[in-house]
Amino acid sequence: MRVHRCAPVTHAIPFIKMHGLGNDFVVLDARETPLPAMTAQVARALGDRRTGIGFDQLVLLEPSAAPEAGHAFRMRIFNSDGSEVEACGNAARAVALLHGEAAVIETGGGPIALEPLEGGARVDMGSPRFDWDAIPLAYAMDTSAMPVGWESLEGPMAVNVGNPHAIFFVDDADAVELDRLGPVIEHDPLFPERVNVNVASLAGPDHLKLRVWERGAGLTRACGTGACATAVAAIRRGLVGSPVRVTLPGGDLVIAWQPGGTIRMSGPAAESFRGTFDWDAFA
């Protein structure tokens, strides 16, 4: 497959299209062959589903900055709006599948451990953070039950799992107008680095139903870090035990966490297709 806007390809760059539960990625592998510098403009152009390749996130693999620490390589993540983010759990599973063996890799949110499984991967996402300035919030408050609200969404928990999340527990996650309230909360001044917005309801013993408004990407079929943050929040509130099954619109993830430990996420990932594009046409 060739994706281009015009004329013959003059600077053909290979890409791999992958997804985790329908949360889709374009993976560019620059571990051995360097690429031109990624910019917000190029990421936005490639992410356009009408004139580009289309994705929720672009994943750029680069050589490790700290190979002496045992890091195999570096993973950078760009949303479809061009913004660079710290972590993406679904992308980490896709990369684990692509890499094909266990590894510790660098991300903007810290090192994470990957382990490919049949049809997917297990990822150790590291330890969650709960301090208000680690989320970060604009000012100090109790992040376990924040004294704030937006219409019917009140009293969220805030968790940083490599990127910031606000989690609201509601009676019916499907009934929330997340397409309307999500961007309002994402851009609220309370969150200086914006925030991912999660609405979750209890679906059964140790089972959560989750919808996510992802900062820089909007409503998504699945969000791995959102599932991690929501499971941690539910375990802390005593709503579920570990491990917990998290059902998103795209399917299920299993999250295991004990207080004081790291978060382990398991779930599927798949390669969709491969192709090339003309870098110059998108720069």
Protein backbone atom coordinates (compact mmCIF):
# COMPACT_ATOMS: atom_id res chain seq x y z
CA MET A 1 0.00 0.00 0.00
CA ARG A 2 1.23 3.52 -0.81
CA VAL A 3 -0.21 6.58 0.87
CA HIS A 4 0.61 9.95 -0.68
CA ARG A 5 -1.00 13.27 -1.45
CA CYS A 6 0.48 13.95 -4.81
CA ALA A 7 3.05 12.90 -7.40
CA PRO A 8 5.40 9.92 -7.06
CA VAL A 9 6.96 9.12 -3.71
CA THR A 10 10.32 10.86 -3.48
CA HIS A 11 11.17 10.24 0.15
CA ALA A 12 9.40 6.96 0.92
CA ILE A 13 9.10 6.20 4.62
CA PRO A 14 7.85 2.76 5.72
CA PHE A 15 5.13 2.59 8.36
CA ILE A 16 3.24 -0.12 10.23
CA LYS A 17 -0.45 0.33 11.05
CA MET A 18 -1.42 -1.41 14.30
CA HIS A 19 -4.21 -1.27 16.85
CA GLY A 20 -5.07 -2.33 20.36
CA LEU A 21 -8.82 -2.85 20.82
CA GLY A 22 -9.47 -0.46 17.94
CA ASN A 23 -7.23 2.29 19.34
CA ASP A 24 -5.09 2.64 16.22
CA PHE A 25 -1.50 3.65 15.64
CA VAL A 26 0.99 4.38 12.91
CA VAL A 27 4.38 3.06 13.99
CA LEU A 28 7.56 4.58 12.51
CA ASP A 29 10.72 2.66 13.29
CA ALA A 30 13.80 4.90 13.46
CA ARG A 31 15.89 2.62 15.67
CA GLU A 32 18.36 1.82 12.89
CA THR A 33 17.59 4.32 10.13
CA PRO A 34 17.10 7.91 11.34
CA LEU A 35 14.07 9.88 10.14
CA PRO A 36 13.65 13.63 9.68
CA ALA A 37 12.65 15.39 12.90
CA MET A 38 9.03 14.73 13.80
CA THR A 39 6.97 17.91 14.16
CA ALA A 40 3.41 18.63 15.25
CA GLN A 41 2.61 19.61 11.66
CA VAL A 42 3.78 16.28 10.22
CA ALA A 43 1.98 14.32 12.95
CA ARG A 44 -1.28 16.21 12.33
CA ALA A 45 -1.04 15.73 8.57
CA LEU A 46 -0.34 12.01 8.84
CA GLY A 47 -3.15 11.63 11.37
CA ASP A 48 -5.82 13.09 9.09
CA ARG A 49 -8.15 10.20 8.22
CA ARG A 50 -9.16 11.76 4.89
CA THR A 51 -5.87 13.01 3.48
CA GLY A 52 -3.26 11.17 5.56
CA ILE A 53 -2.90 7.66 6.91
CA GLY A 54 -5.12 8.22 9.92
CA PHE A 55 -4.51 7.24 13.55
CA ASP A 56 -5.30 7.98 17.16
CA GLN A 57 -1.57 8.08 17.96
CA LEU A 58 1.67 8.08 16.02
CA VAL A 59 4.37 5.94 17.64
CA LEU A 60 8.01 6.78 16.92
CA LEU A 61 10.66 4.24 17.92
CA GLU A 62 14.17 5.66 18.43
CA PRO A 63 17.48 4.44 19.88
CA SER A 64 17.67 4.47 23.66
CA ALA A 65 19.15 7.51 25.37
CA ALA A 66 20.25 5.25 28.25
CA PRO A 67 21.28 1.84 26.88
CA GLU A 68 23.59 1.44 29.87
CA ALA A 69 20.44 1.23 32.03
CA GLY A 70 19.24 -1.77 30.03
CA HIS A 71 16.69 0.15 27.97
CA ALA A 72 16.19 -1.45 24.57
CA PHE A 73 14.88 1.64 22.77
CA ARG A 74 12.77 4.75 23.18
CA MET A 75 9.07 5.13 22.35
CA ARG A 76 7.66 8.59 21.61
CA ILE A 77 3.93 9.16 21.16
CA PHE A 78 2.09 11.90 19.25
CA ASN A 79 -1.67 12.40 19.27
CA SER A 80 -3.58 13.09 16.08
CA ASP A 81 -3.66 16.80 16.98
CA GLY A 82 0.16 16.84 16.87
CA SER A 83 0.75 17.06 20.62
CA GLU A 84 3.39 14.78 22.11
CA VAL A 85 2.31 12.78 25.17
CA GLU A 86 4.15 10.79 27.78
CA ALA A 87 2.59 7.33 27.68
CA CYS A 88 0.11 5.09 25.87
CA GLY A 89 -0.66 1.63 27.18
CA ASN A 90 -2.32 0.32 24.02
CA ALA A 91 0.62 1.52 21.93
CA ALA A 92 3.01 -0.19 24.35
CA ARG A 93 1.24 -3.51 23.75
CA ALA A 94 1.42 -3.01 19.99
CA VAL A 95 5.13 -2.22 20.22
CA ALA A 96 5.71 -5.30 22.40
CA LEU A 97 4.07 -7.43 19.73
CA LEU A 98 6.19 -5.78 17.04
CA HIS A 99 9.44 -6.09 19.02
CA GLY A 100 8.75 -9.78 19.66
CA GLU A 101 10.61 -10.23 22.94
CA ALA A 102 10.58 -8.95 26.50
CA ALA A 103 12.24 -5.56 26.93
CA VAL A 104 12.39 -2.43 29.07
CA ILE A 105 11.86 0.71 27.00
CA GLU A 106 11.95 4.45 27.60
CA THR A 107 8.86 6.66 27.43
CA GLY A 108 8.20 10.26 28.37
CA GLY A 109 6.44 8.92 31.47
CA GLY A 110 9.38 6.74 32.55
CA PRO A 111 10.66 3.24 31.70
CA ILE A 112 8.12 0.45 31.16
CA ALA A 113 8.55 -3.30 30.75
CA LEU A 114 7.03 -5.16 27.78
CA GLU A 115 6.31 -8.86 27.40
CA PRO A 116 4.69 -10.13 24.19
CA LEU A 117 1.99 -12.78 24.56
CA GLU A 118 0.00 -14.77 22.03
CA GLY A 119 -2.06 -12.14 20.22
CA GLY A 120 -1.11 -9.32 22.55
CA ALA A 121 1.18 -8.34 25.40
CA ARG A 122 1.59 -7.71 29.11
CA VAL A 123 3.00 -4.32 30.06
CA ASP A 124 4.33 -3.20 33.43
CA MET A 125 3.32 0.47 33.44
CA GLY A 126 5.22 1.39 36.62
CA SER A 127 3.79 2.85 39.81
CA PRO A 128 0.82 5.25 39.86
CA ARG A 129 1.25 8.69 41.38
CA PHE A 130 -1.39 10.47 43.44
CA ASP A 131 0.20 13.71 44.74
CA TRP A 132 -1.55 16.79 43.39
CA ASP A 133 1.67 18.21 41.92
CA ALA A 134 2.45 14.87 40.21
CA ILE A 135 -0.84 14.84 38.30
CA PRO A 136 -0.28 17.85 37.93
CA LEU A 137 -3.07 20.09 39.27
CA ALA A 138 -2.98 23.87 39.38
CA TYR A 139 -3.23 23.90 43.18
CA ALA A 140 -3.17 21.50 46.11
CA MET A 141 -6.18 19.30 46.89
CA ASP A 142 -7.07 15.76 47.89
CA THR A 143 -6.74 13.74 44.68
CA SER A 144 -8.65 10.74 46.07
CA ALA A 145 -11.93 12.70 46.09
CA MET A 146 -11.41 16.05 44.40
CA PRO A 147 -13.86 18.72 45.63
CA VAL A 148 -14.74 19.79 42.08
CA GLY A 149 -17.41 18.98 39.50
CA TRP A 150 -18.68 19.64 36.02
CA GLU A 151 -22.47 19.32 35.87
CA SER A 152 -23.31 15.72 36.86
CA LEU A 153 -19.65 14.65 36.99
CA GLU A 154 -18.42 15.29 40.53
CA GLY A 155 -15.74 14.20 42.98
CA PRO A 156 -13.24 12.61 40.60
CA MET A 157 -10.05 10.83 41.58
CA ALA A 158 -6.84 11.98 39.88
CA VAL A 159 -4.09 9.51 39.01
CA ASN A 160 -0.90 9.87 36.98
CA VAL A 161 0.13 6.64 35.24
CA GLY A 162 2.73 8.25 33.00
CA ASN A 163 0.09 10.75 31.89
CA PRO A 164 -2.67 12.52 33.86
CA HIS A 165 -6.17 11.09 34.35
CA ALA A 166 -9.34 12.23 36.08
CA ILE A 167 -11.70 9.35 36.90
CA PHE A 168 -15.41 9.72 37.57
CA PHE A 169 -17.45 6.79 38.89
CA VAL A 170 -21.05 6.97 37.70
CA ASP A 171 -24.13 4.75 37.64
CA ASP A 172 -24.09 4.41 33.85
CA ALA A 173 -20.97 5.29 31.86
CA ASP A 174 -22.93 5.19 28.59
CA ALA A 175 -25.35 7.88 29.78
CA VAL A 176 -22.64 10.55 30.19
CA GLU A 177 -22.33 13.11 27.38
CA LEU A 178 -18.59 12.57 27.27
CA ASP A 179 -18.24 14.04 23.79
CA ARG A 180 -19.50 17.34 25.25
CA LEU A 181 -18.07 17.31 28.79
CA GLY A 182 -14.76 15.65 27.90
CA PRO A 183 -13.19 18.64 26.14
CA VAL A 184 -14.47 21.03 28.83
CA ILE A 185 -12.74 19.06 31.58
CA GLU A 186 -9.63 18.37 29.46
CA HIS A 187 -9.00 22.09 29.01
CA ASP A 188 -10.05 23.26 32.50
CA PRO A 189 -7.36 25.51 34.08
CA LEU A 190 -7.25 23.07 37.00
CA PHE A 191 -5.18 20.82 34.72
CA PRO A 192 -2.15 22.80 33.46
CA GLU A 193 -1.06 19.93 31.19
CA ARG A 194 -4.66 19.06 30.26
CA VAL A 195 -6.10 15.73 31.35
CA ASN A 196 -7.61 12.47 30.12
CA VAL A 197 -11.22 12.12 31.25
CA ASN A 198 -12.55 8.70 32.32
CA VAL A 199 -16.14 7.79 33.22
CA ALA A 200 -16.61 4.33 34.70
CA SER A 201 -19.42 2.24 36.15
CA LEU A 202 -19.39 -1.04 38.05
CA ALA A 203 -20.38 -3.87 35.70
CA GLY A 204 -19.97 -6.76 38.15
CA PRO A 205 -17.57 -8.16 40.73
CA ASP A 206 -14.09 -7.01 39.72
CA HIS A 207 -15.46 -5.73 36.39
CA LEU A 208 -15.64 -2.09 35.23
CA LYS A 209 -17.18 -0.48 32.16
CA LEU A 210 -15.17 2.49 30.93
CA ARG A 211 -15.35 5.29 28.38
CA VAL A 212 -12.46 7.70 27.84
CA TRP A 213 -12.07 11.18 26.41
CA GLU A 214 -8.37 11.22 25.52
CA ARG A 215 -6.58 14.55 25.57
CA GLY A 216 -5.51 15.49 22.08
CA ALA A 217 -7.46 12.62 20.48
CA GLY A 218 -11.06 12.80 21.74
CA LEU A 219 -13.37 9.83 22.27
CA THR A 220 -11.45 6.62 21.75
CA ARG A 221 -12.40 2.97 21.45
CA ALA A 222 -9.77 2.07 24.01
CA CYS A 223 -7.22 3.75 26.25
CA GLY A 224 -4.69 1.56 28.04
CA THR A 225 -3.51 4.20 30.50
CA GLY A 226 -7.15 5.13 31.14
CA ALA A 227 -7.91 1.51 32.00
CA CYS A 228 -4.89 1.43 34.32
CA ALA A 229 -5.77 4.70 36.06
CA THR A 230 -9.44 3.73 36.45
CA ALA A 231 -8.64 0.28 37.82
CA VAL A 232 -6.22 1.78 40.33
CA ALA A 233 -8.82 4.35 41.39
CA ALA A 234 -11.52 1.68 41.78
CA ILE A 235 -9.21 -0.57 43.81
CA ARG A 236 -8.27 2.36 46.07
CA ARG A 237 -11.94 3.13 46.64
CA GLY A 238 -12.71 -0.48 47.45
CA LEU A 239 -15.08 -0.91 44.51
CA VAL A 240 -13.19 -3.88 43.02
CA GLY A 241 -10.30 -6.20 43.79
CA SER A 242 -7.24 -7.02 41.72
CA PRO A 243 -7.08 -8.12 38.99
CA VAL A 244 -9.97 -6.23 37.42
CA ARG A 245 -11.48 -6.60 33.96
CA VAL A 246 -12.02 -3.26 32.25
CA THR A 247 -14.45 -3.24 29.33
CA LEU A 248 -13.98 -0.41 26.84
CA PRO A 249 -15.94 0.14 23.60
CA GLY A 250 -13.21 -1.77 21.73
CA GLY A 251 -12.95 -4.72 24.12
CA ASP A 252 -11.44 -5.88 27.42
CA LEU A 253 -8.19 -5.28 29.28
CA VAL A 254 -7.09 -6.93 32.51
CA ILE A 255 -5.37 -4.70 35.07
CA ALA A 256 -3.55 -5.97 38.16
CA TRP A 257 -2.32 -3.64 40.93
CA GLN A 258 -1.65 -3.80 44.64
CA PRO A 259 -1.02 -0.65 46.70
CA GLY A 260 2.67 0.15 46.68
CA GLY A 261 3.29 -1.94 43.56
CA THR A 262 3.38 -1.41 39.82
CA ILE A 263 0.48 -1.69 37.38
CA ARG A 264 0.38 -4.69 35.05
CA MET A 265 -1.86 -4.49 32.02
CA SER A 266 -2.67 -7.42 29.72
CA GLY A 267 -4.61 -7.35 26.48
CA PRO A 268 -4.64 -7.84 22.73
CA ALA A 269 -2.82 -5.99 19.96
CA ALA A 270 -2.64 -6.60 16.23
CA GLU A 271 -0.90 -5.46 13.07
CA SER A 272 -3.28 -4.17 10.38
CA PHE A 273 -1.06 -3.47 7.37
CA ARG A 274 2.21 -1.93 6.19
CA GLY A 275 2.94 0.73 3.61
CA THR A 276 5.02 3.76 2.74
CA PHE A 277 4.37 7.50 2.51
CA ASP A 278 6.17 10.48 1.06
CA TRP A 279 7.55 12.50 3.99
CA ASP A 280 7.91 15.64 1.89
CA ALA A 281 4.21 15.59 1.04
CA PHE A 282 3.31 15.90 4.73
CA ALA A 283 6.06 18.23 5.98
